[in-house]
Amino acid sequence: MKNKKITKKTKRRLTFLSCMILFLVITIITSVFNDFCQIIKNKNEIILLSDKYNTLLHEEESLQSEITKLQDMNYVARYAREKYLYSLPNEVIIRLPNGEE
């Protein structure tokens, strides 16, 4: 009779330990999977932000070039004439359609 009690007690312990180990394994797998998903999401975000950064750098170069050009008075005068149709006194502006000279 004593052997059966020990066997039942041992089975309970094994069952409990098995459940605990299973729970821990599932918890660890879930945690690792979530971390892996977060790493992939961060890598994708890094790629997007890097592309945006490069675009902004290109835009900054373009704007710096425009600033440099706008400091030249001849460029400003030509720009105003072309863009806004300003003219000097006694000057007539004739606008041609795009593509014709």
Protein backbone atom coordinates (compact mmCIF):
# COMPACT_ATOMS: atom_id res chain seq x y z
CA MET A 1 0.00 0.00 0.00
CA LYS A 2 2.83 2.37 0.73
CA ASN A 3 4.27 1.87 -2.76
CA LYS A 4 1.02 3.01 -4.40
CA LYS A 5 1.00 6.26 -2.38
CA ILE A 6 4.58 7.02 -3.37
CA THR A 7 3.76 6.28 -6.97
CA LYS A 8 0.73 8.57 -6.93
CA LYS A 9 2.73 11.27 -5.22
CA THR A 10 5.52 10.89 -7.74
CA LYS A 11 3.03 11.04 -10.64
CA ARG A 12 1.56 14.25 -9.23
CA ARG A 13 5.02 15.78 -8.91
CA LEU A 14 5.93 14.76 -12.44
CA THR A 15 2.66 16.12 -13.76
CA PHE A 16 3.15 19.39 -11.91
CA LEU A 17 6.75 19.72 -13.07
CA SER A 18 5.76 18.88 -16.64
CA CYS A 19 3.07 21.55 -16.57
CA MET A 20 5.50 24.10 -15.13
CA ILE A 21 8.16 23.28 -17.72
CA LEU A 22 5.58 23.47 -20.51
CA PHE A 23 4.37 26.82 -19.22
CA LEU A 24 7.94 28.17 -19.06
CA VAL A 25 8.75 26.91 -22.55
CA ILE A 26 5.61 28.51 -23.98
CA THR A 27 6.37 31.75 -22.16
CA ILE A 28 9.94 31.84 -23.46
CA ILE A 29 8.88 31.02 -27.03
CA THR A 30 6.23 33.74 -26.94
CA SER A 31 8.72 36.26 -25.60
CA VAL A 32 11.34 35.38 -28.22
CA PHE A 33 8.76 35.53 -31.01
CA ASN A 34 7.54 38.97 -29.87
CA ASP A 35 11.13 40.23 -29.68
CA PHE A 36 11.86 38.85 -33.14
CA CYS A 37 8.77 40.59 -34.57
CA GLN A 38 9.82 43.86 -32.91
CA ILE A 39 13.34 43.55 -34.38
CA ILE A 40 11.92 43.07 -37.88
CA LYS A 41 9.57 46.02 -37.41
CA ASN A 42 12.47 48.21 -36.21
CA LYS A 43 14.64 47.19 -39.18
CA ASN A 44 11.85 48.14 -41.60
CA GLU A 45 11.40 51.46 -39.82
CA ILE A 46 15.15 52.10 -40.00
CA ILE A 47 15.06 51.52 -43.77
CA LEU A 48 12.10 53.90 -44.20
CA LEU A 49 13.67 56.58 -42.02
CA SER A 50 17.00 56.22 -43.81
CA ASP A 51 15.28 56.77 -47.17
CA LYS A 52 13.45 59.78 -45.77
CA TYR A 53 16.71 61.14 -44.35
CA ASN A 54 18.44 60.81 -47.73
CA THR A 55 15.52 62.55 -49.43
CA LEU A 56 15.70 65.39 -46.92
CA LEU A 57 19.47 65.69 -47.43
CA HIS A 58 18.92 65.99 -51.18
CA GLU A 59 16.22 68.59 -50.60
CA GLU A 60 18.54 70.52 -48.28
CA GLU A 61 21.27 70.55 -50.95
CA SER A 62 18.75 71.84 -53.47
CA LEU A 63 17.58 74.57 -51.09
CA GLN A 64 21.17 75.56 -50.26
CA SER A 65 21.85 75.85 -53.99
CA GLU A 66 18.75 78.01 -54.38
CA ILE A 67 19.89 80.24 -51.48
CA THR A 68 23.25 80.70 -53.15
CA LYS A 69 21.61 81.59 -56.47
CA LEU A 70 19.19 84.03 -54.82
CA GLN A 71 22.12 86.01 -53.42
CA ASP A 72 23.08 86.91 -57.01
CA MET A 73 21.09 89.97 -58.08
CA ASN A 74 21.22 89.07 -61.78
CA TYR A 75 19.67 85.67 -61.03
CA VAL A 76 16.96 87.28 -58.89
CA ALA A 77 16.10 89.73 -61.67
CA ARG A 78 15.96 86.97 -64.30
CA TYR A 79 13.91 84.75 -61.94
CA ALA A 80 11.40 87.54 -61.29
CA ARG A 81 11.07 88.23 -65.00
CA GLU A 82 10.54 84.58 -65.92
CA LYS A 83 8.41 83.50 -63.01
CA TYR A 84 6.31 86.57 -62.25
CA LEU A 85 6.50 88.43 -65.60
CA TYR A 86 8.10 91.53 -64.09
CA SER A 87 9.71 93.92 -66.51
CA LEU A 88 11.94 96.94 -66.53
CA PRO A 89 10.52 100.27 -67.67
CA ASN A 90 10.13 100.41 -71.46
CA GLU A 91 10.45 96.63 -71.69
CA VAL A 92 7.81 94.37 -73.22
CA ILE A 93 7.55 90.72 -72.17
CA ILE A 94 6.31 88.19 -74.66
CA ARG A 95 5.64 84.79 -73.17
CA LEU A 96 6.09 81.78 -75.45
CA PRO A 97 4.36 78.46 -74.83
CA ASN A 98 6.52 75.76 -73.23
CA GLY A 99 8.78 73.89 -75.61
CA GLU A 100 9.12 76.74 -78.13
CA GLU A 101 11.98 79.18 -78.31
